[in-house]
Amino acid sequence: MRSRSPHTAVVLFLLLVAVLQLRAGTLRGLILGNELGGVPLSNVEVSAVAGANASATDDQGRFRLEFATKQPGDMVQLVVRKSGYVVVNDFQLRLGLPRDPDAEPVTLLVCKEAVREEMARRFYRLKSFEAIEARYQQQLQQLK
């Protein structure tokens, strides 16, 4: 019987690591200030409730999370931290891991706590609903 060389063991180990990394879930994202089209924010902490490395956004607002025990399609809950800031589109903090993390990174919007309501209106396009409500109230007053 032939014995295996140390090189064979190293190659097998590297192949195993590569296969495990392919099976792990990856999430790439972008954090912008205030609204879609806003400036990328750096040094925003991004993590997950369970199962991912912690990350911080780079100078272009990008982050990457690796989920060793999750696979594409598994649901994850993100946590975003920057002192004095809150997430505008917080419904996107719970999401399924994509099959191709490079296809479309998740975009999260953060703003100062004091302007969150305005930024949410812009994001959810609720401003038009306020205009409709104001017009309705105006017409109601005219009828009286």
N, C-alpha and C. Protein backbone atom coordinates (compact mmCIF):
# COMPACT_ATOMS: atom_id res chain seq x y z
N MET A 1 0.81 -1.18 0.00
CA MET A 1 0.00 0.00 0.00
C MET A 1 0.86 1.24 0.00
N ARG A 2 0.47 2.22 -0.76
CA ARG A 2 1.22 3.47 -0.82
C ARG A 2 0.72 4.42 0.26
N SER A 3 1.61 5.11 0.88
CA SER A 3 1.21 6.13 1.85
C SER A 3 1.03 7.46 1.13
N ARG A 4 0.15 8.25 1.66
CA ARG A 4 -0.10 9.57 1.05
C ARG A 4 0.96 10.55 1.49
N SER A 5 1.31 11.39 0.59
CA SER A 5 2.30 12.42 0.93
C SER A 5 1.64 13.54 1.70
N PRO A 6 2.40 14.35 2.42
CA PRO A 6 1.84 15.50 3.15
C PRO A 6 1.17 16.49 2.20
N HIS A 7 1.64 16.54 0.97
CA HIS A 7 1.06 17.47 0.00
C HIS A 7 -0.37 17.06 -0.35
N THR A 8 -0.62 15.77 -0.41
CA THR A 8 -1.96 15.28 -0.72
C THR A 8 -2.93 15.70 0.38
N ALA A 9 -2.50 15.60 1.62
CA ALA A 9 -3.35 15.98 2.75
C ALA A 9 -3.66 17.48 2.69
N VAL A 10 -2.68 18.28 2.35
CA VAL A 10 -2.89 19.73 2.25
C VAL A 10 -3.87 20.05 1.13
N VAL A 11 -3.70 19.40 0.00
CA VAL A 11 -4.60 19.63 -1.13
C VAL A 11 -6.02 19.23 -0.77
N LEU A 12 -6.20 18.09 -0.12
CA LEU A 12 -7.53 17.65 0.30
C LEU A 12 -8.16 18.64 1.29
N PHE A 13 -7.36 19.13 2.22
CA PHE A 13 -7.84 20.11 3.19
C PHE A 13 -8.29 21.39 2.48
N LEU A 14 -7.51 21.88 1.55
CA LEU A 14 -7.86 23.10 0.82
C LEU A 14 -9.13 22.91 0.00
N LEU A 15 -9.28 21.73 -0.59
CA LEU A 15 -10.51 21.44 -1.34
C LEU A 15 -11.72 21.43 -0.42
N LEU A 16 -11.57 20.85 0.75
CA LEU A 16 -12.66 20.82 1.72
C LEU A 16 -13.05 22.23 2.15
N VAL A 17 -12.07 23.06 2.42
CA VAL A 17 -12.33 24.46 2.80
C VAL A 17 -13.05 25.19 1.66
N ALA A 18 -12.61 24.98 0.43
CA ALA A 18 -13.25 25.63 -0.72
C ALA A 18 -14.69 25.20 -0.86
N VAL A 19 -14.97 23.91 -0.69
CA VAL A 19 -16.34 23.40 -0.80
C VAL A 19 -17.21 24.00 0.30
N LEU A 20 -16.69 24.05 1.52
CA LEU A 20 -17.47 24.63 2.62
C LEU A 20 -17.74 26.11 2.40
N GLN A 21 -16.80 26.83 1.83
CA GLN A 21 -17.01 28.24 1.56
C GLN A 21 -18.06 28.43 0.47
N LEU A 22 -18.10 27.54 -0.51
CA LEU A 22 -19.11 27.64 -1.55
C LEU A 22 -20.51 27.43 -0.99
N ARG A 23 -20.61 26.59 0.02
CA ARG A 23 -21.91 26.29 0.61
C ARG A 23 -22.34 27.37 1.59
N ALA A 24 -21.42 28.14 2.12
CA ALA A 24 -21.75 29.19 3.08
C ALA A 24 -22.51 30.32 2.37
N GLY A 25 -23.37 30.96 3.12
CA GLY A 25 -24.12 32.08 2.57
C GLY A 25 -23.32 33.36 2.69
N THR A 26 -23.38 34.16 1.65
CA THR A 26 -22.68 35.44 1.63
C THR A 26 -23.68 36.53 1.32
N LEU A 27 -23.55 37.65 2.00
CA LEU A 27 -24.40 38.81 1.74
C LEU A 27 -23.52 40.02 1.54
N ARG A 28 -23.71 40.67 0.42
CA ARG A 28 -23.01 41.93 0.15
C ARG A 28 -24.04 43.04 0.21
N GLY A 29 -23.59 44.19 0.66
CA GLY A 29 -24.54 45.29 0.77
C GLY A 29 -23.87 46.64 0.66
N LEU A 30 -24.73 47.64 0.67
CA LEU A 30 -24.33 49.03 0.53
C LEU A 30 -25.16 49.85 1.50
N ILE A 31 -24.50 50.76 2.20
CA ILE A 31 -25.22 51.65 3.11
C ILE A 31 -25.07 53.07 2.61
N LEU A 32 -26.23 53.69 2.39
CA LEU A 32 -26.28 55.07 1.90
C LEU A 32 -26.89 55.98 2.96
N GLY A 33 -26.50 57.23 2.92
CA GLY A 33 -27.04 58.21 3.84
C GLY A 33 -28.35 58.78 3.34
N ASN A 34 -29.36 58.76 4.20
CA ASN A 34 -30.65 59.41 4.02
C ASN A 34 -31.59 58.75 3.03
N GLU A 35 -31.20 58.65 1.77
CA GLU A 35 -32.16 58.18 0.76
C GLU A 35 -31.43 57.51 -0.40
N LEU A 36 -32.21 56.84 -1.26
CA LEU A 36 -31.62 56.25 -2.46
C LEU A 36 -30.92 57.35 -3.24
N GLY A 37 -29.72 57.09 -3.68
CA GLY A 37 -28.92 58.11 -4.35
C GLY A 37 -28.10 58.93 -3.37
N GLY A 38 -28.25 58.65 -2.07
CA GLY A 38 -27.48 59.37 -1.06
C GLY A 38 -26.02 58.97 -1.06
N VAL A 39 -25.24 59.65 -0.25
CA VAL A 39 -23.80 59.38 -0.19
C VAL A 39 -23.53 58.09 0.57
N PRO A 40 -22.57 57.31 0.10
CA PRO A 40 -22.19 56.10 0.83
C PRO A 40 -21.60 56.47 2.19
N LEU A 41 -21.95 55.70 3.22
CA LEU A 41 -21.45 55.97 4.56
C LEU A 41 -20.41 54.93 4.96
N SER A 42 -19.28 55.41 5.47
CA SER A 42 -18.22 54.50 5.92
C SER A 42 -18.32 54.30 7.43
N ASN A 43 -17.65 53.27 7.90
CA ASN A 43 -17.56 52.94 9.32
C ASN A 43 -18.91 52.70 10.00
N VAL A 44 -19.85 52.12 9.26
CA VAL A 44 -21.12 51.70 9.85
C VAL A 44 -20.96 50.22 10.17
N GLU A 45 -21.25 49.84 11.41
CA GLU A 45 -21.13 48.45 11.83
C GLU A 45 -22.33 47.66 11.33
N VAL A 46 -22.05 46.52 10.72
CA VAL A 46 -23.10 45.63 10.23
C VAL A 46 -22.80 44.23 10.74
N SER A 47 -23.81 43.61 11.32
CA SER A 47 -23.67 42.24 11.79
C SER A 47 -25.01 41.54 11.62
N ALA A 48 -25.08 40.33 12.10
CA ALA A 48 -26.33 39.57 12.04
C ALA A 48 -26.63 39.05 13.44
N VAL A 49 -27.91 38.78 13.68
CA VAL A 49 -28.31 38.29 14.99
C VAL A 49 -27.55 37.01 15.33
N ALA A 50 -27.37 36.14 14.37
CA ALA A 50 -26.62 34.91 14.64
C ALA A 50 -25.96 34.41 13.36
N GLY A 51 -24.74 33.91 13.52
CA GLY A 51 -24.12 33.18 12.44
C GLY A 51 -23.31 33.92 11.41
N ALA A 52 -22.92 35.16 11.64
CA ALA A 52 -22.12 35.88 10.64
C ALA A 52 -21.00 36.64 11.32
N ASN A 53 -19.99 36.94 10.53
CA ASN A 53 -18.91 37.79 10.99
C ASN A 53 -19.44 39.22 11.10
N ALA A 54 -18.85 40.01 11.97
CA ALA A 54 -19.19 41.44 12.03
C ALA A 54 -18.38 42.14 10.96
N SER A 55 -18.91 43.23 10.46
CA SER A 55 -18.24 43.96 9.39
C SER A 55 -18.47 45.45 9.60
N ALA A 56 -17.69 46.24 8.95
CA ALA A 56 -17.89 47.69 8.92
C ALA A 56 -17.80 48.14 7.48
N THR A 57 -18.59 49.11 7.12
CA THR A 57 -18.58 49.57 5.73
C THR A 57 -17.26 50.24 5.40
N ASP A 58 -16.87 50.10 4.14
CA ASP A 58 -15.64 50.74 3.66
C ASP A 58 -15.96 52.18 3.24
N ASP A 59 -15.00 52.84 2.61
CA ASP A 59 -15.17 54.24 2.20
C ASP A 59 -16.29 54.43 1.18
N GLN A 60 -16.67 53.35 0.51
CA GLN A 60 -17.74 53.44 -0.49
C GLN A 60 -19.05 52.86 0.03
N GLY A 61 -19.13 52.66 1.35
CA GLY A 61 -20.37 52.20 1.97
C GLY A 61 -20.66 50.72 1.82
N ARG A 62 -19.69 49.96 1.33
CA ARG A 62 -19.92 48.53 1.07
C ARG A 62 -19.57 47.68 2.29
N PHE A 63 -20.32 46.57 2.43
CA PHE A 63 -20.01 45.59 3.46
C PHE A 63 -20.23 44.19 2.91
N ARG A 64 -19.67 43.23 3.63
CA ARG A 64 -19.81 41.82 3.24
C ARG A 64 -19.92 40.98 4.51
N LEU A 65 -20.94 40.14 4.56
CA LEU A 65 -21.12 39.23 5.69
C LEU A 65 -21.04 37.80 5.19
N GLU A 66 -20.34 36.96 5.94
CA GLU A 66 -20.21 35.54 5.63
C GLU A 66 -20.96 34.76 6.70
N PHE A 67 -21.86 33.90 6.28
CA PHE A 67 -22.65 33.07 7.18
C PHE A 67 -22.18 31.62 7.01
N ALA A 68 -21.33 31.17 7.92
CA ALA A 68 -20.74 29.84 7.81
C ALA A 68 -21.78 28.73 7.91
N THR A 69 -22.83 28.95 8.68
CA THR A 69 -23.82 27.89 8.91
C THR A 69 -25.12 28.12 8.13
N LYS A 70 -25.15 29.11 7.28
CA LYS A 70 -26.35 29.41 6.49
C LYS A 70 -26.07 29.18 5.02
N GLN A 71 -27.13 28.93 4.28
CA GLN A 71 -27.03 28.73 2.85
C GLN A 71 -27.95 29.71 2.14
N PRO A 72 -27.74 29.92 0.85
CA PRO A 72 -28.64 30.79 0.09
C PRO A 72 -30.10 30.37 0.31
N GLY A 73 -30.93 31.36 0.54
CA GLY A 73 -32.35 31.12 0.80
C GLY A 73 -32.69 31.16 2.28
N ASP A 74 -31.72 30.92 3.15
CA ASP A 74 -31.97 30.99 4.59
C ASP A 74 -32.23 32.44 5.00
N MET A 75 -33.15 32.63 5.94
CA MET A 75 -33.48 33.97 6.43
C MET A 75 -32.45 34.40 7.48
N VAL A 76 -32.08 35.68 7.43
CA VAL A 76 -31.16 36.26 8.40
C VAL A 76 -31.71 37.61 8.86
N GLN A 77 -31.28 38.03 10.04
CA GLN A 77 -31.68 39.32 10.61
C GLN A 77 -30.42 40.16 10.78
N LEU A 78 -30.35 41.29 10.09
CA LEU A 78 -29.18 42.15 10.17
C LEU A 78 -29.32 43.16 11.31
N VAL A 79 -28.17 43.60 11.79
CA VAL A 79 -28.10 44.64 12.81
C VAL A 79 -27.16 45.71 12.29
N VAL A 80 -27.63 46.96 12.27
CA VAL A 80 -26.83 48.08 11.77
C VAL A 80 -26.65 49.07 12.91
N ARG A 81 -25.39 49.48 13.13
CA ARG A 81 -25.10 50.40 14.23
C ARG A 81 -24.18 51.53 13.77
N LYS A 82 -24.63 52.72 14.06
CA LYS A 82 -23.79 53.92 13.92
C LYS A 82 -24.39 54.91 14.90
N SER A 83 -23.59 55.40 15.79
CA SER A 83 -24.08 56.29 16.84
C SER A 83 -24.86 57.47 16.28
N GLY A 84 -26.09 57.64 16.78
CA GLY A 84 -26.94 58.75 16.36
C GLY A 84 -27.72 58.50 15.08
N TYR A 85 -27.56 57.34 14.49
CA TYR A 85 -28.21 57.01 13.22
C TYR A 85 -29.18 55.85 13.40
N VAL A 86 -30.20 55.82 12.53
CA VAL A 86 -31.17 54.73 12.49
C VAL A 86 -31.37 54.30 11.04
N VAL A 87 -31.91 53.10 10.87
CA VAL A 87 -32.17 52.58 9.53
C VAL A 87 -33.52 53.09 9.04
N VAL A 88 -33.56 53.60 7.83
CA VAL A 88 -34.80 54.11 7.23
C VAL A 88 -35.65 52.94 6.74
N ASN A 89 -35.08 52.09 5.94
CA ASN A 89 -35.81 50.95 5.35
C ASN A 89 -35.59 49.70 6.19
N ASP A 90 -36.03 49.78 7.44
CA ASP A 90 -35.76 48.71 8.40
C ASP A 90 -36.42 47.39 8.06
N PHE A 91 -37.43 47.38 7.21
CA PHE A 91 -38.04 46.11 6.81
C PHE A 91 -37.05 45.24 6.05
N GLN A 92 -36.00 45.83 5.49
CA GLN A 92 -35.02 45.06 4.74
C GLN A 92 -33.93 44.46 5.62
N LEU A 93 -34.05 44.64 6.91
CA LEU A 93 -33.07 44.05 7.81
C LEU A 93 -33.29 42.54 7.97
N ARG A 94 -34.47 42.07 7.64
CA ARG A 94 -34.74 40.62 7.65
C ARG A 94 -34.90 40.19 6.20
N LEU A 95 -34.01 39.31 5.76
CA LEU A 95 -34.03 38.91 4.37
C LEU A 95 -33.44 37.53 4.17
N GLY A 96 -33.71 36.97 3.01
CA GLY A 96 -33.14 35.68 2.63
C GLY A 96 -31.79 35.89 1.96
N LEU A 97 -30.87 35.01 2.25
CA LEU A 97 -29.55 35.10 1.61
C LEU A 97 -29.68 34.80 0.12
N PRO A 98 -29.07 35.62 -0.72
CA PRO A 98 -29.19 35.42 -2.17
C PRO A 98 -28.31 34.28 -2.67
N ARG A 99 -28.70 33.70 -3.79
CA ARG A 99 -27.87 32.67 -4.43
C ARG A 99 -26.58 33.29 -4.95
N ASP A 100 -26.70 34.47 -5.55
CA ASP A 100 -25.54 35.17 -6.08
C ASP A 100 -25.43 36.52 -5.37
N PRO A 101 -24.55 36.62 -4.39
CA PRO A 101 -24.44 37.86 -3.62
C PRO A 101 -23.97 39.06 -4.44
N ASP A 102 -23.36 38.80 -5.60
CA ASP A 102 -22.88 39.89 -6.44
C ASP A 102 -23.95 40.42 -7.38
N ALA A 103 -25.03 39.67 -7.55
CA ALA A 103 -26.05 40.06 -8.51
C ALA A 103 -26.70 41.40 -8.14
N GLU A 104 -27.14 41.51 -6.90
CA GLU A 104 -27.76 42.76 -6.45
C GLU A 104 -27.56 42.90 -4.95
N PRO A 105 -26.58 43.69 -4.54
CA PRO A 105 -26.34 43.87 -3.10
C PRO A 105 -27.55 44.53 -2.43
N VAL A 106 -27.77 44.19 -1.18
CA VAL A 106 -28.85 44.82 -0.42
C VAL A 106 -28.44 46.27 -0.14
N THR A 107 -29.38 47.19 -0.29
CA THR A 107 -29.11 48.60 -0.03
C THR A 107 -29.89 49.02 1.21
N LEU A 108 -29.16 49.49 2.20
CA LEU A 108 -29.77 49.98 3.43
C LEU A 108 -29.54 51.48 3.53
N LEU A 109 -30.55 52.18 3.99
CA LEU A 109 -30.48 53.63 4.14
C LEU A 109 -30.45 53.97 5.62
N VAL A 110 -29.49 54.78 6.03
CA VAL A 110 -29.44 55.23 7.42
C VAL A 110 -29.41 56.75 7.45
N CYS A 111 -29.98 57.30 8.50
CA CYS A 111 -30.03 58.76 8.65
C CYS A 111 -29.97 59.11 10.12
N LYS A 112 -29.80 60.37 10.40
CA LYS A 112 -29.84 60.86 11.78
C LYS A 112 -31.23 60.60 12.33
N GLU A 113 -31.30 60.28 13.60
CA GLU A 113 -32.58 59.97 14.24
C GLU A 113 -33.61 61.09 14.04
N ALA A 114 -33.17 62.33 14.08
CA ALA A 114 -34.08 63.47 14.01
C ALA A 114 -34.79 63.59 12.66
N VAL A 115 -34.22 63.03 11.59
CA VAL A 115 -34.84 63.17 10.27
C VAL A 115 -35.38 61.85 9.72
N ARG A 116 -35.47 60.85 10.57
CA ARG A 116 -35.91 59.54 10.09
C ARG A 116 -37.30 59.57 9.48
N GLU A 117 -38.22 60.28 10.12
CA GLU A 117 -39.59 60.32 9.61
C GLU A 117 -39.64 60.90 8.19
N GLU A 118 -38.91 61.97 7.96
CA GLU A 118 -38.87 62.58 6.63
C GLU A 118 -38.23 61.65 5.61
N MET A 119 -37.13 61.01 6.00
CA MET A 119 -36.46 60.10 5.07
C MET A 119 -37.34 58.89 4.78
N ALA A 120 -38.08 58.42 5.77
CA ALA A 120 -39.00 57.31 5.54
C ALA A 120 -40.11 57.72 4.58
N ARG A 121 -40.62 58.93 4.75
CA ARG A 121 -41.65 59.41 3.81
C ARG A 121 -41.11 59.42 2.39
N ARG A 122 -39.91 59.91 2.25
CA ARG A 122 -39.31 59.93 0.91
C ARG A 122 -39.15 58.53 0.35
N PHE A 123 -38.64 57.64 1.20
CA PHE A 123 -38.41 56.28 0.74
C PHE A 123 -39.71 55.58 0.39
N TYR A 124 -40.67 55.69 1.24
CA TYR A 124 -41.94 55.01 1.02
C TYR A 124 -42.91 55.83 0.17
N ARG A 125 -42.44 56.97 -0.25
CA ARG A 125 -43.24 57.87 -1.10
C ARG A 125 -44.57 58.21 -0.45
N LEU A 126 -44.52 58.44 0.85
CA LEU A 126 -45.73 58.77 1.58
C LEU A 126 -46.10 60.24 1.47
N LYS A 127 -45.23 61.03 0.95
CA LYS A 127 -45.52 62.45 0.81
C LYS A 127 -46.79 62.65 -0.01
N SER A 128 -46.97 61.85 -1.04
CA SER A 128 -48.16 61.99 -1.88
C SER A 128 -49.42 61.67 -1.08
N PHE A 129 -49.34 60.72 -0.15
CA PHE A 129 -50.51 60.41 0.67
C PHE A 129 -50.87 61.59 1.57
N GLU A 130 -49.87 62.30 2.07
CA GLU A 130 -50.14 63.49 2.88
C GLU A 130 -50.82 64.56 2.05
N ALA A 131 -50.38 64.73 0.81
CA ALA A 131 -50.99 65.72 -0.07
C ALA A 131 -52.44 65.35 -0.36
N ILE A 132 -52.70 64.07 -0.57
CA ILE A 132 -54.08 63.62 -0.80
C ILE A 132 -54.93 63.90 0.43
N GLU A 133 -54.41 63.60 1.59
CA GLU A 133 -55.14 63.83 2.84
C GLU A 133 -55.41 65.32 3.04
N ALA A 134 -54.42 66.16 2.77
CA ALA A 134 -54.59 67.61 2.92
C ALA A 134 -55.66 68.13 1.96
N ARG A 135 -55.64 67.64 0.73
CA ARG A 135 -56.64 68.05 -0.26
C ARG A 135 -58.04 67.60 0.16
N TYR A 136 -58.13 66.38 0.68
CA TYR A 136 -59.41 65.85 1.16
C TYR A 136 -59.94 66.72 2.30
N GLN A 137 -59.09 67.06 3.25
CA GLN A 137 -59.52 67.91 4.38
C GLN A 137 -59.97 69.29 3.89
N GLN A 138 -59.26 69.82 2.90
CA GLN A 138 -59.61 71.13 2.34
C GLN A 138 -60.99 71.06 1.67
N GLN A 139 -61.24 70.03 0.89
CA GLN A 139 -62.54 69.87 0.24
C GLN A 139 -63.64 69.64 1.26
N LEU A 140 -63.36 68.93 2.31
CA LEU A 140 -64.33 68.68 3.38
C LEU A 140 -64.73 69.99 4.05
N GLN A 141 -63.74 70.85 4.29
CA GLN A 141 -64.01 72.16 4.89
C GLN A 141 -64.87 73.02 3.97
N GLN A 142 -64.63 72.94 2.66
CA GLN A 142 -65.40 73.74 1.70
C GLN A 142 -66.86 73.28 1.65
N LEU A 143 -67.11 72.01 1.84
CA LEU A 143 -68.47 71.47 1.84
C LEU A 143 -69.26 71.92 3.07
N LYS A 144 -68.58 72.20 4.17
CA LYS A 144 -69.26 72.63 5.39
C LYS A 144 -69.66 74.03 5.28
